[in-house]
Amino acid sequence: MLTNQEVAEELLREFGEDVYGFEEPYEMLTLTTTRDQIIPMLEFLFNHQKFQANFLTDLTGVHYPDTPGLEYAVVYHLHSLVHNFRLRIKVFLAEGDERIPTATKVYESANWMERETYDFFGIQFEGHPNLIRILNIEEMDYFPMRRQYPLEDTTREDKTDALFGR
């Protein structure tokens, strides 16, 4: 059975200082890497004879508007169906530089997940075979999951704060 320690040590041997921020929330190995190393790392984990991370469970984005230089994260969840081992990898991107290589060459299932992440967060997946919106209309000129808009409509006058516990 694979352990988080074993996988972390192997990734450190292979990628050195390009892999960092190790955590184990809910016993799932979580780490951070760079935009330049994400595809080599995914290929390494996929092709590694012992790890066999052969299933991309999820790929999504997260917007952290209050974290200068690290405003966007692309998060990959991998699963080794052979060893029932899960792994989370994060790549942080700066505002204005929301681009990362596509993972479709390693995991074909990344296709729609990357399109959805582009559709909602505006993250550009370079080399993607068809990076167009998947759920929203093409004419949209904004990305709805970015935290750039107030949670409530400040122009509404039909609400009484007392009714909302304020």
Protein backbone atom coordinates (compact mmCIF):
# COMPACT_ATOMS: atom_id res chain seq x y z
CA MET A 1 0.00 0.00 0.00
CA LEU A 2 1.28 3.46 -0.91
CA THR A 3 1.83 6.01 1.81
CA ASN A 4 1.75 9.78 1.53
CA GLN A 5 5.34 9.89 2.79
CA GLU A 6 6.53 7.49 0.09
CA VAL A 7 4.91 9.49 -2.73
CA ALA A 8 6.10 12.83 -1.32
CA GLU A 9 9.70 11.62 -1.04
CA GLU A 10 9.67 10.30 -4.61
CA LEU A 11 8.24 13.59 -5.93
CA LEU A 12 10.90 15.54 -4.03
CA ARG A 13 13.62 13.32 -5.53
CA GLU A 14 12.25 13.82 -9.04
CA PHE A 15 11.21 17.51 -8.96
CA GLY A 16 13.26 19.02 -6.12
CA GLU A 17 12.31 22.55 -5.15
CA ASP A 18 9.58 22.66 -7.81
CA VAL A 19 7.35 20.70 -5.44
CA TYR A 20 6.49 22.22 -2.06
CA GLY A 21 3.67 23.09 0.34
CA PHE A 22 3.00 19.52 1.43
CA GLU A 23 -0.12 19.02 3.53
CA GLU A 24 -2.39 16.11 4.43
CA PRO A 25 -5.93 17.44 4.94
CA TYR A 26 -8.24 14.51 5.61
CA GLU A 27 -5.21 12.26 5.00
CA MET A 28 -5.02 13.24 1.31
CA LEU A 29 -1.54 14.18 0.15
CA THR A 30 -1.72 17.76 -1.13
CA LEU A 31 1.15 19.66 -2.68
CA THR A 32 1.97 22.61 -4.87
CA THR A 33 4.09 22.76 -8.02
CA THR A 34 4.86 25.25 -10.77
CA ARG A 35 3.16 25.89 -14.08
CA ASP A 36 6.28 24.59 -15.87
CA GLN A 37 6.35 21.32 -13.93
CA ILE A 38 2.66 20.36 -13.82
CA ILE A 39 2.63 18.35 -17.07
CA PRO A 40 5.94 16.54 -16.37
CA MET A 41 4.60 15.75 -12.88
CA LEU A 42 1.28 14.43 -14.20
CA GLU A 43 3.14 12.29 -16.75
CA PHE A 44 5.51 11.04 -14.05
CA LEU A 45 2.65 10.03 -11.75
CA PHE A 46 0.67 8.48 -14.61
CA ASN A 47 3.58 6.44 -16.00
CA HIS A 48 5.30 5.57 -12.70
CA GLN A 49 5.24 1.81 -12.39
CA LYS A 50 4.47 1.94 -8.69
CA PHE A 51 2.10 4.96 -8.44
CA GLN A 52 -0.04 4.49 -11.57
CA ALA A 53 -2.12 7.65 -11.04
CA ASN A 54 -4.30 6.68 -13.98
CA PHE A 55 -7.49 8.64 -13.25
CA LEU A 56 -8.02 12.40 -13.18
CA THR A 57 -10.92 12.68 -10.78
CA ASP A 58 -11.29 16.45 -10.98
CA LEU A 59 -9.66 19.59 -12.27
CA THR A 60 -10.94 23.02 -11.27
CA GLY A 61 -9.99 26.58 -10.49
CA VAL A 62 -10.14 28.71 -7.36
CA HIS A 63 -9.97 32.49 -7.15
CA TYR A 64 -8.13 34.06 -4.19
CA PRO A 65 -8.45 37.81 -4.92
CA ASP A 66 -6.77 38.84 -1.65
CA THR A 67 -3.54 36.90 -2.25
CA PRO A 68 -1.22 39.07 -4.40
CA GLY A 69 0.69 37.06 -7.00
CA LEU A 70 -1.25 33.89 -6.22
CA GLU A 71 -4.76 34.98 -7.16
CA TYR A 72 -5.72 31.84 -9.10
CA ALA A 73 -5.18 28.17 -8.42
CA VAL A 74 -5.68 25.23 -10.74
CA VAL A 75 -6.34 22.14 -8.64
CA TYR A 76 -5.89 18.57 -9.91
CA HIS A 77 -7.24 15.51 -8.07
CA LEU A 78 -5.57 12.27 -9.15
CA HIS A 79 -6.49 8.72 -8.23
CA SER A 80 -4.59 5.49 -8.64
CA LEU A 81 -7.31 2.93 -9.25
CA VAL A 82 -4.69 0.21 -8.85
CA HIS A 83 -3.62 1.28 -5.33
CA ASN A 84 -6.68 3.30 -4.27
CA PHE A 85 -4.40 6.26 -3.62
CA ARG A 86 -5.48 9.89 -4.02
CA LEU A 87 -3.41 13.01 -4.53
CA ARG A 88 -4.18 16.73 -4.87
CA ILE A 89 -1.85 19.03 -6.82
CA LYS A 90 -2.16 22.82 -6.90
CA VAL A 91 -0.62 25.35 -9.26
CA PHE A 92 -0.95 29.04 -8.41
CA LEU A 93 -1.15 31.74 -11.08
CA ALA A 94 -0.93 35.51 -10.89
CA GLU A 95 -3.67 37.93 -11.89
CA GLY A 96 -3.19 38.86 -15.54
CA ASP A 97 -1.18 35.69 -16.24
CA GLU A 98 -3.92 33.04 -15.95
CA ARG A 99 -2.42 30.46 -18.32
CA ILE A 100 -1.24 26.89 -17.87
CA PRO A 101 -0.49 23.98 -20.23
CA THR A 102 -3.34 21.62 -21.02
CA ALA A 103 -3.40 18.21 -19.35
CA THR A 104 -5.38 16.65 -22.21
CA LYS A 105 -2.24 14.98 -23.56
CA VAL A 106 -1.97 12.98 -20.31
CA TYR A 107 -5.63 12.64 -19.33
CA GLU A 108 -8.23 12.91 -22.10
CA SER A 109 -10.85 13.52 -19.41
CA ALA A 110 -9.19 16.90 -18.73
CA ASN A 111 -10.84 18.21 -21.90
CA TRP A 112 -14.23 19.15 -20.47
CA MET A 113 -12.87 19.97 -17.02
CA GLU A 114 -10.46 22.50 -18.52
CA ARG A 115 -13.24 23.97 -20.65
CA GLU A 116 -15.41 24.37 -17.55
CA THR A 117 -12.54 25.97 -15.62
CA TYR A 118 -11.94 28.37 -18.51
CA ASP A 119 -15.67 29.10 -18.75
CA PHE A 120 -16.02 30.04 -15.08
CA PHE A 121 -12.58 31.40 -14.13
CA GLY A 122 -11.00 32.51 -17.43
CA ILE A 123 -7.91 30.35 -17.00
CA GLN A 124 -6.30 29.69 -20.41
CA PHE A 125 -5.19 26.10 -20.99
CA GLU A 126 -2.49 26.42 -23.62
CA GLY A 127 -2.60 23.72 -26.29
CA HIS A 128 -6.17 22.68 -25.49
CA PRO A 129 -7.84 21.21 -28.61
CA ASN A 130 -11.09 23.22 -28.27
CA LEU A 131 -10.98 25.79 -25.46
CA ILE A 132 -14.42 27.36 -25.76
CA ARG A 133 -17.15 27.91 -23.21
CA ILE A 134 -18.99 24.75 -22.25
CA LEU A 135 -21.89 25.92 -20.04
CA ASN A 136 -22.19 29.68 -20.58
CA ILE A 137 -22.88 31.47 -23.84
CA GLU A 138 -19.89 32.44 -26.00
CA GLU A 139 -20.95 36.10 -25.91
CA MET A 140 -20.31 36.38 -22.16
CA ASP A 141 -17.56 38.91 -21.56
CA TYR A 142 -16.87 37.94 -17.94
CA PHE A 143 -16.11 34.83 -15.88
CA PRO A 144 -18.81 34.29 -13.24
CA MET A 145 -16.78 32.42 -10.58
CA ARG A 146 -14.23 35.18 -10.17
CA ARG A 147 -14.76 36.99 -6.91
CA GLN A 148 -14.99 40.39 -8.56
CA TYR A 149 -18.61 41.16 -7.87
CA PRO A 150 -20.52 41.88 -4.66
CA LEU A 151 -22.49 38.96 -3.28
CA GLU A 152 -25.62 41.10 -3.10
CA ASP A 153 -27.16 43.69 -5.37
CA THR A 154 -26.43 46.94 -3.55
CA THR A 155 -29.03 48.83 -5.60
CA ARG A 156 -32.01 46.85 -4.31
CA GLU A 157 -34.38 48.81 -2.13
CA ASP A 158 -36.89 46.06 -1.35
CA LYS A 159 -34.80 44.51 1.42
CA THR A 160 -34.87 45.46 5.05
CA ASP A 161 -31.61 44.63 6.81
CA ALA A 162 -33.53 43.65 9.95
CA LEU A 163 -35.15 40.80 8.05
CA PHE A 164 -31.73 39.41 7.20
CA GLY A 165 -30.29 39.48 10.71
CA ARG A 166 -28.33 42.71 10.27
